[in-house]
């Protein structure tokens, strides 16, 4: 599902809300999650999962085309861990 499909589904299920308001709500939620992660915080949505940031150390990688060694700098990457309710629902429990 992409963002526009999510917005349309929420708007369809809530006919009392304008689509532009639903779009603003969805964009605000995503923006707040992004801002929290950029600030190094963890975002937990009970029953769904938790977003966090993990640090990947610097390393020596390989260019797959040439086989040449390449230095890869340290970086931070987003990480998502599913919640128990989501895992159970996916597994039919």
N, C-alpha and C. Protein backbone atom coordinates (compact mmCIF):
# COMPACT_ATOMS: atom_id res chain seq x y z
N UNK A 1 0.85 -1.18 0.00
CA UNK A 1 0.00 0.00 0.00
C UNK A 1 0.89 1.24 0.00
N UNK A 2 0.56 2.18 -0.83
CA UNK A 2 1.32 3.43 -0.87
C UNK A 2 0.53 4.52 -0.15
N UNK A 3 1.19 5.64 0.09
CA UNK A 3 0.60 6.72 0.88
C UNK A 3 -0.76 7.16 0.34
N UNK A 4 -0.88 7.33 -0.97
CA UNK A 4 -2.15 7.80 -1.55
C UNK A 4 -3.27 6.77 -1.33
N UNK A 5 -2.93 5.48 -1.40
CA UNK A 5 -3.94 4.44 -1.14
C UNK A 5 -4.38 4.48 0.33
N UNK A 6 -3.43 4.70 1.24
CA UNK A 6 -3.77 4.80 2.66
C UNK A 6 -4.70 5.99 2.90
N UNK A 7 -4.38 7.12 2.30
CA UNK A 7 -5.21 8.32 2.46
C UNK A 7 -6.61 8.06 1.92
N UNK A 8 -6.71 7.44 0.75
CA UNK A 8 -8.01 7.16 0.15
C UNK A 8 -8.82 6.19 1.01
N UNK A 9 -8.17 5.17 1.56
CA UNK A 9 -8.88 4.19 2.39
C UNK A 9 -9.43 4.84 3.66
N UNK A 10 -8.63 5.68 4.30
CA UNK A 10 -9.08 6.37 5.52
C UNK A 10 -10.22 7.32 5.19
N UNK A 11 -10.10 8.04 4.07
CA UNK A 11 -11.16 8.97 3.66
C UNK A 11 -12.46 8.23 3.36
N UNK A 12 -12.35 7.06 2.71
CA UNK A 12 -13.55 6.27 2.40
C UNK A 12 -14.23 5.75 3.65
N UNK A 13 -13.45 5.38 4.65
CA UNK A 13 -14.00 4.83 5.89
C UNK A 13 -14.53 5.92 6.82
N UNK A 14 -14.16 7.17 6.56
CA UNK A 14 -14.60 8.30 7.39
C UNK A 14 -15.17 9.40 6.49
N UNK A 15 -16.41 9.19 6.01
CA UNK A 15 -16.98 10.14 5.05
C UNK A 15 -17.20 11.54 5.64
N UNK A 16 -17.18 11.67 6.97
CA UNK A 16 -17.36 12.98 7.59
C UNK A 16 -16.10 13.84 7.52
N UNK A 17 -14.97 13.25 7.07
CA UNK A 17 -13.72 13.99 6.94
C UNK A 17 -13.44 14.30 5.48
N UNK A 18 -12.94 15.50 5.23
CA UNK A 18 -12.52 15.85 3.87
C UNK A 18 -11.21 15.12 3.55
N UNK A 19 -11.03 14.79 2.27
CA UNK A 19 -9.82 14.07 1.88
C UNK A 19 -8.58 14.91 2.15
N UNK A 20 -8.66 16.22 1.97
CA UNK A 20 -7.48 17.07 2.22
C UNK A 20 -7.10 17.06 3.70
N UNK A 21 -8.11 16.92 4.60
CA UNK A 21 -7.82 16.84 6.03
C UNK A 21 -7.17 15.49 6.37
N UNK A 22 -7.64 14.42 5.76
CA UNK A 22 -7.05 13.10 5.97
C UNK A 22 -5.60 13.10 5.48
N UNK A 23 -5.38 13.73 4.32
CA UNK A 23 -4.03 13.81 3.77
C UNK A 23 -3.11 14.58 4.72
N UNK A 24 -3.61 15.67 5.28
CA UNK A 24 -2.82 16.46 6.23
C UNK A 24 -2.51 15.65 7.49
N UNK A 25 -3.47 14.87 7.97
CA UNK A 25 -3.27 14.04 9.17
C UNK A 25 -2.19 12.97 8.90
N UNK A 26 -2.32 12.26 7.79
CA UNK A 26 -1.35 11.20 7.45
C UNK A 26 0.04 11.79 7.29
N UNK A 27 0.15 12.91 6.58
CA UNK A 27 1.45 13.55 6.38
C UNK A 27 2.05 14.03 7.70
N UNK A 28 1.21 14.52 8.60
CA UNK A 28 1.69 14.96 9.92
C UNK A 28 2.21 13.79 10.73
N UNK A 29 1.52 12.67 10.70
CA UNK A 29 1.96 11.48 11.44
C UNK A 29 3.32 11.02 10.92
N UNK A 30 3.44 10.90 9.60
CA UNK A 30 4.72 10.47 9.02
C UNK A 30 5.83 11.46 9.31
N UNK A 31 5.50 12.74 9.27
CA UNK A 31 6.49 13.78 9.55
C UNK A 31 6.97 13.70 11.00
N UNK A 32 6.06 13.48 11.93
CA UNK A 32 6.43 13.38 13.34
C UNK A 32 7.30 12.15 13.60
N UNK A 33 6.97 11.03 12.96
CA UNK A 33 7.79 9.83 13.11
C UNK A 33 9.19 10.09 12.56
N UNK A 34 9.27 10.71 11.39
CA UNK A 34 10.55 11.03 10.77
C UNK A 34 11.37 11.97 11.64
N UNK A 35 10.74 13.02 12.17
CA UNK A 35 11.44 13.98 13.03
C UNK A 35 11.97 13.31 14.30
N UNK A 36 11.15 12.42 14.88
CA UNK A 36 11.58 11.73 16.10
C UNK A 36 12.78 10.84 15.82
N UNK A 37 12.75 10.11 14.71
CA UNK A 37 13.87 9.25 14.36
C UNK A 37 15.12 10.08 14.04
N UNK A 38 14.94 11.20 13.37
CA UNK A 38 16.08 12.07 13.05
C UNK A 38 16.70 12.63 14.33
N UNK A 39 15.89 12.78 15.37
CA UNK A 39 16.38 13.26 16.66
C UNK A 39 16.96 12.14 17.51
N UNK A 40 17.00 10.92 16.99
CA UNK A 40 17.57 9.80 17.73
C UNK A 40 16.60 9.13 18.69
N UNK A 41 15.32 9.47 18.59
CA UNK A 41 14.32 8.88 19.49
C UNK A 41 13.71 7.63 18.88
N UNK A 42 13.03 6.88 19.73
CA UNK A 42 12.34 5.65 19.33
C UNK A 42 10.85 5.97 19.27
N UNK A 43 10.15 5.41 18.28
CA UNK A 43 8.71 5.62 18.15
C UNK A 43 8.03 4.27 18.27
N UNK A 44 7.15 4.15 19.26
CA UNK A 44 6.45 2.88 19.48
C UNK A 44 4.97 3.07 19.26
N UNK A 45 4.40 2.23 18.41
CA UNK A 45 2.96 2.22 18.16
C UNK A 45 2.46 0.88 18.69
N UNK A 46 1.83 0.91 19.84
CA UNK A 46 1.40 -0.32 20.52
C UNK A 46 0.56 -1.20 19.61
N UNK A 47 0.88 -2.47 19.58
CA UNK A 47 0.16 -3.43 18.77
C UNK A 47 0.64 -3.47 17.32
N UNK A 48 1.41 -2.48 16.91
CA UNK A 48 1.90 -2.43 15.53
C UNK A 48 3.39 -2.69 15.48
N UNK A 49 4.17 -1.88 16.20
CA UNK A 49 5.61 -2.08 16.21
C UNK A 49 6.35 -0.86 16.68
N UNK A 50 7.66 -0.91 16.58
CA UNK A 50 8.50 0.18 17.05
C UNK A 50 9.54 0.53 15.98
N UNK A 51 9.68 1.82 15.75
CA UNK A 51 10.70 2.34 14.85
C UNK A 51 11.85 2.84 15.69
N UNK A 52 13.07 2.55 15.26
CA UNK A 52 14.24 3.05 15.95
C UNK A 52 15.34 3.28 14.92
N UNK A 53 16.46 3.80 15.40
CA UNK A 53 17.59 4.08 14.53
C UNK A 53 18.76 3.23 15.00
N UNK A 54 19.42 2.55 14.06
CA UNK A 54 20.60 1.76 14.39
C UNK A 54 21.81 2.35 13.68
N UNK A 55 22.95 2.24 14.35
CA UNK A 55 24.19 2.76 13.78
C UNK A 55 24.93 1.61 13.10
N UNK A 56 25.34 1.85 11.87
CA UNK A 56 26.18 0.88 11.16
C UNK A 56 27.59 1.44 11.13
N UNK A 57 28.52 0.67 11.63
CA UNK A 57 29.91 1.11 11.69
C UNK A 57 30.53 1.21 10.30
N UNK A 58 31.61 1.97 10.22
CA UNK A 58 32.36 2.07 8.97
C UNK A 58 32.94 0.70 8.65
N UNK A 59 33.09 0.42 7.36
CA UNK A 59 33.61 -0.88 6.95
C UNK A 59 34.24 -0.77 5.57
N UNK A 60 34.88 -1.83 5.19
CA UNK A 60 35.44 -1.90 3.84
C UNK A 60 34.52 -2.80 3.03
N UNK A 61 33.95 -2.26 1.97
CA UNK A 61 33.06 -3.03 1.10
C UNK A 61 33.72 -3.29 -0.23
N UNK A 62 33.00 -3.93 -1.11
CA UNK A 62 33.53 -4.23 -2.44
C UNK A 62 32.56 -3.70 -3.49
N UNK A 63 33.12 -3.11 -4.53
CA UNK A 63 32.34 -2.71 -5.68
C UNK A 63 32.02 -3.99 -6.46
N UNK A 64 30.73 -4.36 -6.58
CA UNK A 64 30.41 -5.64 -7.24
C UNK A 64 30.78 -5.68 -8.72
N UNK A 65 30.87 -4.54 -9.35
CA UNK A 65 31.19 -4.50 -10.77
C UNK A 65 32.68 -4.72 -11.03
N UNK A 66 33.51 -4.05 -10.20
CA UNK A 66 34.96 -4.12 -10.44
C UNK A 66 35.70 -4.99 -9.44
N UNK A 67 35.08 -5.27 -8.30
CA UNK A 67 35.74 -6.04 -7.26
C UNK A 67 36.69 -5.20 -6.42
N UNK A 68 36.74 -3.92 -6.70
CA UNK A 68 37.63 -3.00 -5.99
C UNK A 68 37.13 -2.75 -4.57
N UNK A 69 38.05 -2.63 -3.61
CA UNK A 69 37.69 -2.32 -2.23
C UNK A 69 37.24 -0.87 -2.14
N UNK A 70 36.16 -0.64 -1.39
CA UNK A 70 35.60 0.69 -1.22
C UNK A 70 35.36 0.93 0.26
N UNK A 71 35.74 2.11 0.74
CA UNK A 71 35.50 2.45 2.14
C UNK A 71 34.06 2.96 2.28
N UNK A 72 33.29 2.33 3.17
CA UNK A 72 31.91 2.75 3.43
C UNK A 72 31.90 3.39 4.81
N UNK A 73 31.49 4.67 4.87
CA UNK A 73 31.50 5.39 6.13
C UNK A 73 30.38 4.90 7.05
N UNK A 74 30.51 5.23 8.34
CA UNK A 74 29.45 4.86 9.28
C UNK A 74 28.20 5.64 8.95
N UNK A 75 27.06 5.02 9.24
CA UNK A 75 25.79 5.68 8.95
C UNK A 75 24.71 5.17 9.89
N UNK A 76 23.63 5.92 9.94
CA UNK A 76 22.49 5.54 10.75
C UNK A 76 21.37 5.10 9.81
N UNK A 77 20.71 3.99 10.16
CA UNK A 77 19.64 3.46 9.31
C UNK A 77 18.39 3.23 10.16
N UNK A 78 17.20 3.42 9.56
CA UNK A 78 15.97 3.16 10.30
C UNK A 78 15.78 1.65 10.47
N UNK A 79 15.16 1.28 11.58
CA UNK A 79 14.91 -0.13 11.89
C UNK A 79 13.49 -0.25 12.42
N UNK A 80 12.76 -1.29 11.99
CA UNK A 80 11.40 -1.51 12.45
C UNK A 80 11.29 -2.90 13.04
N UNK A 81 10.74 -2.97 14.24
CA UNK A 81 10.50 -4.25 14.89
C UNK A 81 8.99 -4.38 15.10
N UNK A 82 8.42 -5.46 14.58
CA UNK A 82 6.97 -5.64 14.68
C UNK A 82 6.55 -5.89 16.12
N UNK A 83 5.34 -5.47 16.42
CA UNK A 83 4.75 -5.72 17.73
C UNK A 83 4.14 -7.11 17.78
N UNK A 84 3.87 -7.57 18.99
CA UNK A 84 3.34 -8.92 19.17
C UNK A 84 1.98 -9.10 18.48
N UNK A 85 1.10 -8.12 18.58
CA UNK A 85 -0.23 -8.25 17.97
C UNK A 85 -0.15 -8.35 16.44
N UNK A 86 0.73 -7.56 15.84
CA UNK A 86 0.91 -7.63 14.39
C UNK A 86 1.49 -8.98 13.97
N UNK A 87 2.50 -9.44 14.70
CA UNK A 87 3.10 -10.75 14.39
C UNK A 87 2.06 -11.86 14.51
N UNK A 88 1.26 -11.83 15.58
CA UNK A 88 0.23 -12.85 15.77
C UNK A 88 -0.81 -12.82 14.64
N UNK A 89 -1.19 -11.61 14.23
CA UNK A 89 -2.18 -11.49 13.16
C UNK A 89 -1.63 -12.00 11.83
N UNK A 90 -0.37 -11.73 11.56
CA UNK A 90 0.25 -12.20 10.32
C UNK A 90 0.36 -13.73 10.30
N UNK A 91 0.51 -14.32 11.46
CA UNK A 91 0.67 -15.77 11.57
C UNK A 91 -0.64 -16.49 11.84
N UNK A 92 -1.76 -15.77 11.76
CA UNK A 92 -3.07 -16.39 11.89
C UNK A 92 -3.48 -16.76 13.31
N UNK A 93 -2.84 -16.16 14.31
CA UNK A 93 -3.21 -16.46 15.70
C UNK A 93 -4.25 -15.51 16.23
